[in-house]
Amino acid sequence: MAGQGLAEMLFEYGYAADVMLGVLAIEGAWLVLARRWRLLAVLGLLGPAALIVLGLRAAMTGADWWWIALPLALSFPLHLMDLRSRLAADDHRAPGS
């Protein structure tokens, strides 16, 4: 670690992904506590992003391929859940609104 630049260290050891996960956690807490979002809605919105970042972190740190593929594959059902809830909310709106 000695002699490395900050950016190099962030990416070589996967810390950049850790920072992104921290930002996602803060955003999730803000949505639940300040904006009064339901936890399931926050999970649908931020869950796919968190799983993709976990896959990124695995790739950055040289993990086996399945540690990269698993979170990427798991992000898709959460994305579909979020999409379904958004489309259902659009269906309940009055025409022209």
PDB file of N, CA and C in Angstrom:
ATOM      1  N   MET A   1       0.808  -1.191   0.000  1.00  0.00           N
ATOM      2  CA  MET A   1       0.000   0.000   0.000  1.00  0.00           C
ATOM      3  C   MET A   1       0.853   1.258   0.000  1.00  0.00           C
ATOM      4  N   ALA A   2       2.048   1.192   0.540  1.00  0.00           N
ATOM      5  CA  ALA A   2       2.905   2.373   0.599  1.00  0.00           C
ATOM      6  C   ALA A   2       3.283   2.815  -0.803  1.00  0.00           C
ATOM      7  N   GLY A   3       3.182   4.113  -1.033  1.00  0.00           N
ATOM      8  CA  GLY A   3       3.563   4.659  -2.317  1.00  0.00           C
ATOM      9  C   GLY A   3       2.459   4.651  -3.362  1.00  0.00           C
ATOM     10  N   GLN A   4       1.328   4.072  -3.039  1.00  0.00           N
ATOM     11  CA  GLN A   4       0.223   4.054  -3.999  1.00  0.00           C
ATOM     12  C   GLN A   4      -0.585   5.339  -3.878  1.00  0.00           C
ATOM     13  N   GLY A   5      -1.119   5.773  -5.014  1.00  0.00           N
ATOM     14  CA  GLY A   5      -2.025   6.903  -4.984  1.00  0.00           C
ATOM     15  C   GLY A   5      -3.374   6.473  -4.448  1.00  0.00           C
ATOM     16  N   LEU A   6      -4.136   7.437  -4.000  1.00  0.00           N
ATOM     17  CA  LEU A   6      -5.444   7.137  -3.422  1.00  0.00           C
ATOM     18  C   LEU A   6      -6.356   6.456  -4.446  1.00  0.00           C
ATOM     19  N   ALA A   7      -6.419   7.008  -5.657  1.00  0.00           N
ATOM     20  CA  ALA A   7      -7.300   6.428  -6.674  1.00  0.00           C
ATOM     21  C   ALA A   7      -6.887   4.995  -7.004  1.00  0.00           C
ATOM     22  N   GLU A   8      -5.601   4.763  -7.117  1.00  0.00           N
ATOM     23  CA  GLU A   8      -5.119   3.413  -7.418  1.00  0.00           C
ATOM     24  C   GLU A   8      -5.523   2.441  -6.317  1.00  0.00           C
ATOM     25  N   MET A   9      -5.388   2.868  -5.075  1.00  0.00           N
ATOM     26  CA  MET A   9      -5.730   2.007  -3.949  1.00  0.00           C
ATOM     27  C   MET A   9      -7.248   1.760  -3.897  1.00  0.00           C
ATOM     28  N   LEU A  10      -8.039   2.799  -4.182  1.00  0.00           N
ATOM     29  CA  LEU A  10      -9.495   2.643  -4.162  1.00  0.00           C
ATOM     30  C   LEU A  10      -9.958   1.569  -5.134  1.00  0.00           C
ATOM     31  N   PHE A  11      -9.333   1.529  -6.300  1.00  0.00           N
ATOM     32  CA  PHE A  11      -9.775   0.586  -7.313  1.00  0.00           C
ATOM     33  C   PHE A  11      -9.111  -0.780  -7.189  1.00  0.00           C
ATOM     34  N   GLU A  12      -7.862  -0.820  -6.798  1.00  0.00           N
ATOM     35  CA  GLU A  12      -7.166  -2.107  -6.696  1.00  0.00           C
ATOM     36  C   GLU A  12      -7.748  -2.994  -5.604  1.00  0.00           C
ATOM     37  N   TYR A  13      -8.134  -2.397  -4.495  1.00  0.00           N
ATOM     38  CA  TYR A  13      -8.635  -3.180  -3.370  1.00  0.00           C
ATOM     39  C   TYR A  13     -10.157  -3.185  -3.262  1.00  0.00           C
ATOM     40  N   GLY A  14     -10.835  -2.564  -4.217  1.00  0.00           N
ATOM     41  CA  GLY A  14     -12.292  -2.574  -4.217  1.00  0.00           C
ATOM     42  C   GLY A  14     -12.930  -1.544  -3.307  1.00  0.00           C
ATOM     43  N   TYR A  15     -12.125  -0.641  -2.746  1.00  0.00           N
ATOM     44  CA  TYR A  15     -12.682   0.350  -1.828  1.00  0.00           C
ATOM     45  C   TYR A  15     -13.614   1.326  -2.537  1.00  0.00           C
ATOM     46  N   ALA A  16     -13.427   1.542  -3.832  1.00  0.00           N
ATOM     47  CA  ALA A  16     -14.323   2.427  -4.576  1.00  0.00           C
ATOM     48  C   ALA A  16     -15.744   1.861  -4.541  1.00  0.00           C
ATOM     49  N   ALA A  17     -15.866   0.557  -4.672  1.00  0.00           N
ATOM     50  CA  ALA A  17     -17.181  -0.081  -4.584  1.00  0.00           C
ATOM     51  C   ALA A  17     -17.742   0.052  -3.171  1.00  0.00           C
ATOM     52  N   ASP A  18     -16.890  -0.037  -2.165  1.00  0.00           N
ATOM     53  CA  ASP A  18     -17.344   0.138  -0.785  1.00  0.00           C
ATOM     54  C   ASP A  18     -17.907   1.539  -0.570  1.00  0.00           C
ATOM     55  N   VAL A  19     -17.256   2.535  -1.162  1.00  0.00           N
ATOM     56  CA  VAL A  19     -17.749   3.912  -1.061  1.00  0.00           C
ATOM     57  C   VAL A  19     -19.129   4.012  -1.716  1.00  0.00           C
ATOM     58  N   MET A  20     -19.272   3.407  -2.891  1.00  0.00           N
ATOM     59  CA  MET A  20     -20.572   3.443  -3.576  1.00  0.00           C
ATOM     60  C   MET A  20     -21.650   2.740  -2.756  1.00  0.00           C
ATOM     61  N   LEU A  21     -21.313   1.624  -2.138  1.00  0.00           N
ATOM     62  CA  LEU A  21     -22.279   0.926  -1.289  1.00  0.00           C
ATOM     63  C   LEU A  21     -22.669   1.787  -0.089  1.00  0.00           C
ATOM     64  N   GLY A  22     -21.709   2.499   0.460  1.00  0.00           N
ATOM     65  CA  GLY A  22     -22.007   3.410   1.564  1.00  0.00           C
ATOM     66  C   GLY A  22     -22.957   4.520   1.145  1.00  0.00           C
ATOM     67  N   VAL A  23     -22.732   5.076  -0.032  1.00  0.00           N
ATOM     68  CA  VAL A  23     -23.615   6.124  -0.545  1.00  0.00           C
ATOM     69  C   VAL A  23     -25.017   5.574  -0.764  1.00  0.00           C
ATOM     70  N   LEU A  24     -25.119   4.371  -1.307  1.00  0.00           N
ATOM     71  CA  LEU A  24     -26.432   3.743  -1.498  1.00  0.00           C
ATOM     72  C   LEU A  24     -27.128   3.505  -0.152  1.00  0.00           C
ATOM     73  N   ALA A  25     -26.377   3.105   0.857  1.00  0.00           N
ATOM     74  CA  ALA A  25     -26.961   2.887   2.187  1.00  0.00           C
ATOM     75  C   ALA A  25     -27.467   4.193   2.783  1.00  0.00           C
ATOM     76  N   ILE A  26     -26.701   5.256   2.624  1.00  0.00           N
ATOM     77  CA  ILE A  26     -27.134   6.564   3.120  1.00  0.00           C
ATOM     78  C   ILE A  26     -28.394   7.021   2.390  1.00  0.00           C
ATOM     79  N   GLU A  27     -28.416   6.831   1.076  1.00  0.00           N
ATOM     80  CA  GLU A  27     -29.599   7.199   0.295  1.00  0.00           C
ATOM     81  C   GLU A  27     -30.817   6.396   0.747  1.00  0.00           C
ATOM     82  N   GLY A  28     -30.631   5.101   0.962  1.00  0.00           N
ATOM     83  CA  GLY A  28     -31.735   4.268   1.430  1.00  0.00           C
ATOM     84  C   GLY A  28     -32.259   4.714   2.782  1.00  0.00           C
ATOM     85  N   ALA A  29     -31.353   5.015   3.706  1.00  0.00           N
ATOM     86  CA  ALA A  29     -31.764   5.493   5.026  1.00  0.00           C
ATOM     87  C   ALA A  29     -32.516   6.813   4.910  1.00  0.00           C
ATOM     88  N   TRP A  30     -32.042   7.705   4.050  1.00  0.00           N
ATOM     89  CA  TRP A  30     -32.706   8.991   3.860  1.00  0.00           C
ATOM     90  C   TRP A  30     -34.113   8.795   3.285  1.00  0.00           C
ATOM     91  N   LEU A  31     -34.247   7.904   2.302  1.00  0.00           N
ATOM     92  CA  LEU A  31     -35.557   7.674   1.706  1.00  0.00           C
ATOM     93  C   LEU A  31     -36.553   7.119   2.729  1.00  0.00           C
ATOM     94  N   VAL A  32     -36.079   6.239   3.604  1.00  0.00           N
ATOM     95  CA  VAL A  32     -36.966   5.636   4.603  1.00  0.00           C
ATOM     96  C   VAL A  32     -37.277   6.626   5.727  1.00  0.00           C
ATOM     97  N   LEU A  33     -36.252   7.282   6.245  1.00  0.00           N
ATOM     98  CA  LEU A  33     -36.437   8.126   7.427  1.00  0.00           C
ATOM     99  C   LEU A  33     -36.985   9.516   7.106  1.00  0.00           C
ATOM    100  N   ALA A  34     -36.474  10.146   6.076  1.00  0.00           N
ATOM    101  CA  ALA A  34     -36.883  11.520   5.786  1.00  0.00           C
ATOM    102  C   ALA A  34     -38.049  11.590   4.801  1.00  0.00           C
ATOM    103  N   ARG A  35     -38.051  10.706   3.838  1.00  0.00           N
ATOM    104  CA  ARG A  35     -39.086  10.756   2.802  1.00  0.00           C
ATOM    105  C   ARG A  35     -40.224   9.779   3.056  1.00  0.00           C
ATOM    106  N   ARG A  36     -40.077   8.943   4.091  1.00  0.00           N
ATOM    107  CA  ARG A  36     -41.106   7.981   4.503  1.00  0.00           C
ATOM    108  C   ARG A  36     -41.466   6.959   3.424  1.00  0.00           C
ATOM    109  N   TRP A  37     -40.454   6.550   2.662  1.00  0.00           N
ATOM    110  CA  TRP A  37     -40.676   5.497   1.673  1.00  0.00           C
ATOM    111  C   TRP A  37     -40.812   4.173   2.396  1.00  0.00           C
ATOM    112  N   ARG A  38     -41.599   3.284   1.814  1.00  0.00           N
ATOM    113  CA  ARG A  38     -41.686   1.925   2.339  1.00  0.00           C
ATOM    114  C   ARG A  38     -40.358   1.215   2.067  1.00  0.00           C
ATOM    115  N   LEU A  39     -39.967   0.360   2.979  1.00  0.00           N
ATOM    116  CA  LEU A  39     -38.703  -0.362   2.853  1.00  0.00           C
ATOM    117  C   LEU A  39     -38.663  -1.200   1.579  1.00  0.00           C
ATOM    118  N   LEU A  40     -39.785  -1.791   1.213  1.00  0.00           N
ATOM    119  CA  LEU A  40     -39.846  -2.609   0.003  1.00  0.00           C
ATOM    120  C   LEU A  40     -39.603  -1.755  -1.247  1.00  0.00           C
ATOM    121  N   ALA A  41     -40.116  -0.529  -1.248  1.00  0.00           N
ATOM    122  CA  ALA A  41     -39.896   0.370  -2.388  1.00  0.00           C
ATOM    123  C   ALA A  41     -38.418   0.748  -2.487  1.00  0.00           C
ATOM    124  N   VAL A  42     -37.783   0.988  -1.350  1.00  0.00           N
ATOM    125  CA  VAL A  42     -36.354   1.324  -1.342  1.00  0.00           C
ATOM    126  C   VAL A  42     -35.541   0.127  -1.809  1.00  0.00           C
ATOM    127  N   LEU A  43     -35.917  -1.055  -1.364  1.00  0.00           N
ATOM    128  CA  LEU A  43     -35.216  -2.269  -1.796  1.00  0.00           C
ATOM    129  C   LEU A  43     -35.334  -2.456  -3.302  1.00  0.00           C
ATOM    130  N   GLY A  44     -36.512  -2.202  -3.848  1.00  0.00           N
ATOM    131  CA  GLY A  44     -36.702  -2.320  -5.290  1.00  0.00           C
ATOM    132  C   GLY A  44     -35.906  -1.297  -6.073  1.00  0.00           C
ATOM    133  N   LEU A  45     -35.784  -0.095  -5.517  1.00  0.00           N
ATOM    134  CA  LEU A  45     -35.054   0.966  -6.203  1.00  0.00           C
ATOM    135  C   LEU A  45     -33.540   0.793  -6.096  1.00  0.00           C
ATOM    136  N   LEU A  46     -33.048   0.566  -4.884  1.00  0.00           N
ATOM    137  CA  LEU A  46     -31.601   0.550  -4.651  1.00  0.00           C
ATOM    138  C   LEU A  46     -30.986  -0.847  -4.609  1.00  0.00           C
ATOM    139  N   GLY A  47     -31.810  -1.860  -4.424  1.00  0.00           N
ATOM    140  CA  GLY A  47     -31.291  -3.229  -4.356  1.00  0.00           C
ATOM    141  C   GLY A  47     -30.522  -3.658  -5.593  1.00  0.00           C
ATOM    142  N   PRO A  48     -31.083  -3.442  -6.790  1.00  0.00           N
ATOM    143  CA  PRO A  48     -30.335  -3.828  -7.991  1.00  0.00           C
ATOM    144  C   PRO A  48     -28.984  -3.108  -8.096  1.00  0.00           C
ATOM    145  N   ALA A  49     -28.975  -1.838  -7.767  1.00  0.00           N
ATOM    146  CA  ALA A  49     -27.718  -1.076  -7.831  1.00  0.00           C
ATOM    147  C   ALA A  49     -26.699  -1.646  -6.841  1.00  0.00           C
ATOM    148  N   ALA A  50     -27.150  -1.945  -5.630  1.00  0.00           N
ATOM    149  CA  ALA A  50     -26.238  -2.495  -4.629  1.00  0.00           C
ATOM    150  C   ALA A  50     -25.674  -3.844  -5.076  1.00  0.00           C
ATOM    151  N   LEU A  51     -26.507  -4.682  -5.652  1.00  0.00           N
ATOM    152  CA  LEU A  51     -26.033  -5.982  -6.120  1.00  0.00           C
ATOM    153  C   LEU A  51     -25.054  -5.840  -7.285  1.00  0.00           C
ATOM    154  N   ILE A  52     -25.319  -4.912  -8.184  1.00  0.00           N
ATOM    155  CA  ILE A  52     -24.392  -4.675  -9.297  1.00  0.00           C
ATOM    156  C   ILE A  52     -23.051  -4.173  -8.775  1.00  0.00           C
ATOM    157  N   VAL A  53     -23.085  -3.301  -7.778  1.00  0.00           N
ATOM    158  CA  VAL A  53     -21.838  -2.803  -7.194  1.00  0.00           C
ATOM    159  C   VAL A  53     -21.099  -3.930  -6.471  1.00  0.00           C
ATOM    160  N   LEU A  54     -21.829  -4.836  -5.839  1.00  0.00           N
ATOM    161  CA  LEU A  54     -21.166  -5.994  -5.215  1.00  0.00           C
ATOM    162  C   LEU A  54     -20.467  -6.850  -6.271  1.00  0.00           C
ATOM    163  N   GLY A  55     -21.120  -7.027  -7.423  1.00  0.00           N
ATOM    164  CA  GLY A  55     -20.474  -7.753  -8.523  1.00  0.00           C
ATOM    165  C   GLY A  55     -19.243  -7.011  -9.020  1.00  0.00           C
ATOM    166  N   LEU A  56     -19.340  -5.702  -9.105  1.00  0.00           N
ATOM    167  CA  LEU A  56     -18.191  -4.882  -9.500  1.00  0.00           C
ATOM    168  C   LEU A  56     -17.040  -5.054  -8.515  1.00  0.00           C
ATOM    169  N   ARG A  57     -17.368  -5.030  -7.224  1.00  0.00           N
ATOM    170  CA  ARG A  57     -16.330  -5.184  -6.205  1.00  0.00           C
ATOM    171  C   ARG A  57     -15.649  -6.547  -6.331  1.00  0.00           C
ATOM    172  N   ALA A  58     -16.450  -7.572  -6.582  1.00  0.00           N
ATOM    173  CA  ALA A  58     -15.877  -8.911  -6.765  1.00  0.00           C
ATOM    174  C   ALA A  58     -14.922  -8.920  -7.954  1.00  0.00           C
ATOM    175  N   ALA A  59     -15.314  -8.268  -9.044  1.00  0.00           N
ATOM    176  CA  ALA A  59     -14.454  -8.221 -10.222  1.00  0.00           C
ATOM    177  C   ALA A  59     -13.181  -7.428  -9.943  1.00  0.00           C
ATOM    178  N   MET A  60     -13.311  -6.340  -9.202  1.00  0.00           N
ATOM    179  CA  MET A  60     -12.148  -5.491  -8.911  1.00  0.00           C
ATOM    180  C   MET A  60     -11.124  -6.196  -8.030  1.00  0.00           C
ATOM    181  N   THR A  61     -11.596  -7.095  -7.200  1.00  0.00           N
ATOM    182  CA  THR A  61     -10.693  -7.759  -6.255  1.00  0.00           C
ATOM    183  C   THR A  61     -10.237  -9.133  -6.737  1.00  0.00           C
ATOM    184  N   GLY A  62     -10.611  -9.502  -7.965  1.00  0.00           N
ATOM    185  CA  GLY A  62     -10.137 -10.761  -8.533  1.00  0.00           C
ATOM    186  C   GLY A  62     -10.856 -11.990  -8.029  1.00  0.00           C
ATOM    187  N   ALA A  63     -12.109 -11.845  -7.636  1.00  0.00           N
ATOM    188  CA  ALA A  63     -12.883 -12.982  -7.135  1.00  0.00           C
ATOM    189  C   ALA A  63     -13.195 -13.951  -8.278  1.00  0.00           C
ATOM    190  N   ASP A  64     -13.573 -15.159  -7.905  1.00  0.00           N
ATOM    191  CA  ASP A  64     -13.990 -16.152  -8.895  1.00  0.00           C
ATOM    192  C   ASP A  64     -15.193 -15.629  -9.672  1.00  0.00           C
ATOM    193  N   TRP A  65     -15.395 -16.162 -10.877  1.00  0.00           N
ATOM    194  CA  TRP A  65     -16.421 -15.655 -11.772  1.00  0.00           C
ATOM    195  C   TRP A  65     -17.811 -15.730 -11.172  1.00  0.00           C
ATOM    196  N   TRP A  66     -18.083 -16.742 -10.381  1.00  0.00           N
ATOM    197  CA  TRP A  66     -19.432 -16.891  -9.846  1.00  0.00           C
ATOM    198  C   TRP A  66     -19.749 -15.849  -8.782  1.00  0.00           C
ATOM    199  N   TRP A  67     -18.716 -15.294  -8.114  1.00  0.00           N
ATOM    200  CA  TRP A  67     -18.943 -14.192  -7.171  1.00  0.00           C
ATOM    201  C   TRP A  67     -19.299 -12.911  -7.918  1.00  0.00           C
ATOM    202  N   ILE A  68     -18.916 -12.847  -9.166  1.00  0.00           N
ATOM    203  CA  ILE A  68     -19.277 -11.704 -10.008  1.00  0.00           C
ATOM    204  C   ILE A  68     -20.676 -11.928 -10.590  1.00  0.00           C
ATOM    205  N   ALA A  69     -20.929 -13.129 -11.099  1.00  0.00           N
ATOM    206  CA  ALA A  69     -22.185 -13.428 -11.781  1.00  0.00           C
ATOM    207  C   ALA A  69     -23.378 -13.491 -10.830  1.00  0.00           C
ATOM    208  N   LEU A  70     -23.187 -14.011  -9.638  1.00  0.00           N
ATOM    209  CA  LEU A  70     -24.314 -14.198  -8.719  1.00  0.00           C
ATOM    210  C   LEU A  70     -25.024 -12.890  -8.373  1.00  0.00           C
ATOM    211  N   PRO A  71     -24.329 -11.859  -7.886  1.00  0.00           N
ATOM    212  CA  PRO A  71     -25.064 -10.623  -7.582  1.00  0.00           C
ATOM    213  C   PRO A  71     -25.659  -9.957  -8.824  1.00  0.00           C
ATOM    214  N   LEU A  72     -24.985 -10.108  -9.965  1.00  0.00           N
ATOM    215  CA  LEU A  72     -25.551  -9.544 -11.188  1.00  0.00           C
ATOM    216  C   LEU A  72     -26.861 -10.235 -11.546  1.00  0.00           C
ATOM    217  N   ALA A  73     -26.887 -11.556 -11.420  1.00  0.00           N
ATOM    218  CA  ALA A  73     -28.110 -12.311 -11.720  1.00  0.00           C
ATOM    219  C   ALA A  73     -29.215 -12.000 -10.712  1.00  0.00           C
ATOM    220  N   LEU A  74     -28.852 -11.839  -9.453  1.00  0.00           N
ATOM    221  CA  LEU A  74     -29.856 -11.544  -8.427  1.00  0.00           C
ATOM    222  C   LEU A  74     -30.433 -10.138  -8.556  1.00  0.00           C
ATOM    223  N   SER A  75     -29.709  -9.242  -9.204  1.00  0.00           N
ATOM    224  CA  SER A  75     -30.217  -7.879  -9.356  1.00  0.00           C
ATOM    225  C   SER A  75     -31.423  -7.826 -10.297  1.00  0.00           C
ATOM    226  N   PHE A  76     -31.512  -8.756 -11.239  1.00  0.00           N
ATOM    227  CA  PHE A  76     -32.582  -8.709 -12.234  1.00  0.00           C
ATOM    228  C   PHE A  76     -33.977  -8.889 -11.626  1.00  0.00           C
ATOM    229  N   PRO A  77     -34.212  -9.882 -10.753  1.00  0.00           N
ATOM    230  CA  PRO A  77     -35.554  -9.994 -10.163  1.00  0.00           C
ATOM    231  C   PRO A  77     -35.948  -8.756  -9.350  1.00  0.00           C
ATOM    232  N   LEU A  78     -34.998  -8.156  -8.653  1.00  0.00           N
ATOM    233  CA  LEU A  78     -35.314  -6.934  -7.912  1.00  0.00           C
ATOM    234  C   LEU A  78     -35.672  -5.796  -8.863  1.00  0.00           C
ATOM    235  N   HIS A  79     -34.973  -5.715  -9.967  1.00  0.00           N
ATOM    236  CA  HIS A  79     -35.286  -4.698 -10.963  1.00  0.00           C
ATOM    237  C   HIS A  79     -36.702  -4.921 -11.510  1.00  0.00           C
ATOM    238  N   LEU A  80     -37.052  -6.165 -11.798  1.00  0.00           N
ATOM    239  CA  LEU A  80     -38.396  -6.457 -12.292  1.00  0.00           C
ATOM    240  C   LEU A  80     -39.459  -6.122 -11.259  1.00  0.00           C
ATOM    241  N   MET A  81     -39.174  -6.370  -9.979  1.00  0.00           N
ATOM    242  CA  MET A  81     -40.103  -6.026  -8.907  1.00  0.00           C
ATOM    243  C   MET A  81     -40.338  -4.511  -8.886  1.00  0.00           C
ATOM    244  N   ASP A  82     -39.272  -3.748  -8.990  1.00  0.00           N
ATOM    245  CA  ASP A  82     -39.385  -2.289  -8.997  1.00  0.00           C
ATOM    246  C   ASP A  82     -40.169  -1.815 -10.223  1.00  0.00           C
ATOM    247  N   LEU A  83     -39.862  -2.387 -11.373  1.00  0.00           N
ATOM    248  CA  LEU A  83     -40.552  -2.015 -12.606  1.00  0.00           C
ATOM    249  C   LEU A  83     -42.044  -2.320 -12.509  1.00  0.00           C
ATOM    250  N   ARG A  84     -42.366  -3.474 -11.972  1.00  0.00           N
ATOM    251  CA  ARG A  84     -43.775  -3.854 -11.814  1.00  0.00           C
ATOM    252  C   ARG A  84     -44.512  -2.880 -10.907  1.00  0.00           C
ATOM    253  N   SER A  85     -43.903  -2.503  -9.796  1.00  0.00           N
ATOM    254  CA  SER A  85     -44.572  -1.580  -8.875  1.00  0.00           C
ATOM    255  C   SER A  85     -44.729  -0.200  -9.500  1.00  0.00           C
ATOM    256  N   ARG A  86     -43.753   0.239 -10.284  1.00  0.00           N
ATOM    257  CA  ARG A  86     -43.874   1.544 -10.948  1.00  0.00           C
ATOM    258  C   ARG A  86     -44.959   1.522 -12.012  1.00  0.00           C
ATOM    259  N   LEU A  87     -45.031   0.447 -12.776  1.00  0.00           N
ATOM    260  CA  LEU A  87     -46.066   0.350 -13.801  1.00  0.00           C
ATOM    261  C   LEU A  87     -47.455   0.260 -13.174  1.00  0.00           C
ATOM    262  N   ALA A  88     -47.573  -0.436 -12.056  1.00  0.00           N
ATOM    263  CA  ALA A  88     -48.854  -0.533 -11.355  1.00  0.00           C
ATOM    264  C   ALA A  88     -49.266   0.838 -10.828  1.00  0.00           C
ATOM    265  N   ALA A  89     -48.312   1.614 -10.333  1.00  0.00           N
ATOM    266  CA  ALA A  89     -48.616   2.962  -9.843  1.00  0.00           C
ATOM    267  C   ALA A  89     -49.082   3.855 -10.981  1.00  0.00           C
ATOM    268  N   ASP A  90     -48.489   3.700 -12.167  1.00  0.00           N
ATOM    269  CA  ASP A  90     -48.916   4.470 -13.335  1.00  0.00           C
ATOM    270  C   ASP A  90     -50.332   4.097 -13.751  1.00  0.00           C
ATOM    271  N   ASP A  91     -50.702   2.833 -13.610  1.00  0.00           N
ATOM    272  CA  ASP A  91     -52.036   2.385 -13.988  1.00  0.00           C
ATOM    273  C   ASP A  91     -53.116   2.998 -13.090  1.00  0.00           C
ATOM    274  N   HIS A  92     -52.747   3.345 -11.840  1.00  0.00           N
ATOM    275  CA  HIS A  92     -53.717   3.877 -10.892  1.00  0.00           C
ATOM    276  C   HIS A  92     -53.888   5.389 -11.007  1.00  0.00           C
ATOM    277  N   ARG A  93     -53.073   6.042 -11.795  1.00  0.00           N
ATOM    278  CA  ARG A  93     -53.196   7.484 -11.973  1.00  0.00           C
ATOM    279  C   ARG A  93     -54.349   7.786 -12.921  1.00  0.00           C
ATOM    280  N   ALA A  94     -54.934   8.939 -12.713  1.00  0.00           N
ATOM    281  CA  ALA A  94     -56.040   9.363 -13.582  1.00  0.00           C
ATOM    282  C   ALA A  94     -55.502   9.698 -14.971  1.00  0.00           C
ATOM    283  N   PRO A  95     -56.271   9.421 -15.999  1.00  0.00           N
ATOM    284  CA  PRO A  95     -55.836   9.769 -17.362  1.00  0.00           C
ATOM    285  C   PRO A  95     -55.578  11.269 -17.477  1.00  0.00           C
ATOM    286  N   GLY A  96     -54.510  11.616 -18.144  1.00  0.00           N
ATOM    287  CA  GLY A  96     -54.166  13.025 -18.354  1.00  0.00           C
ATOM    288  C   GLY A  96     -53.428  13.666 -17.203  1.00  0.00           C
ATOM    289  N   SER A  97     -53.063  12.884 -16.172  1.00  0.00           N
ATOM    290  CA  SER A  97     -52.343  13.510 -15.061  1.00  0.00           C
ATOM    291  C   SER A  97     -50.856  13.299 -15.175  1.00  0.00           C
TER     292      SER A  97
END
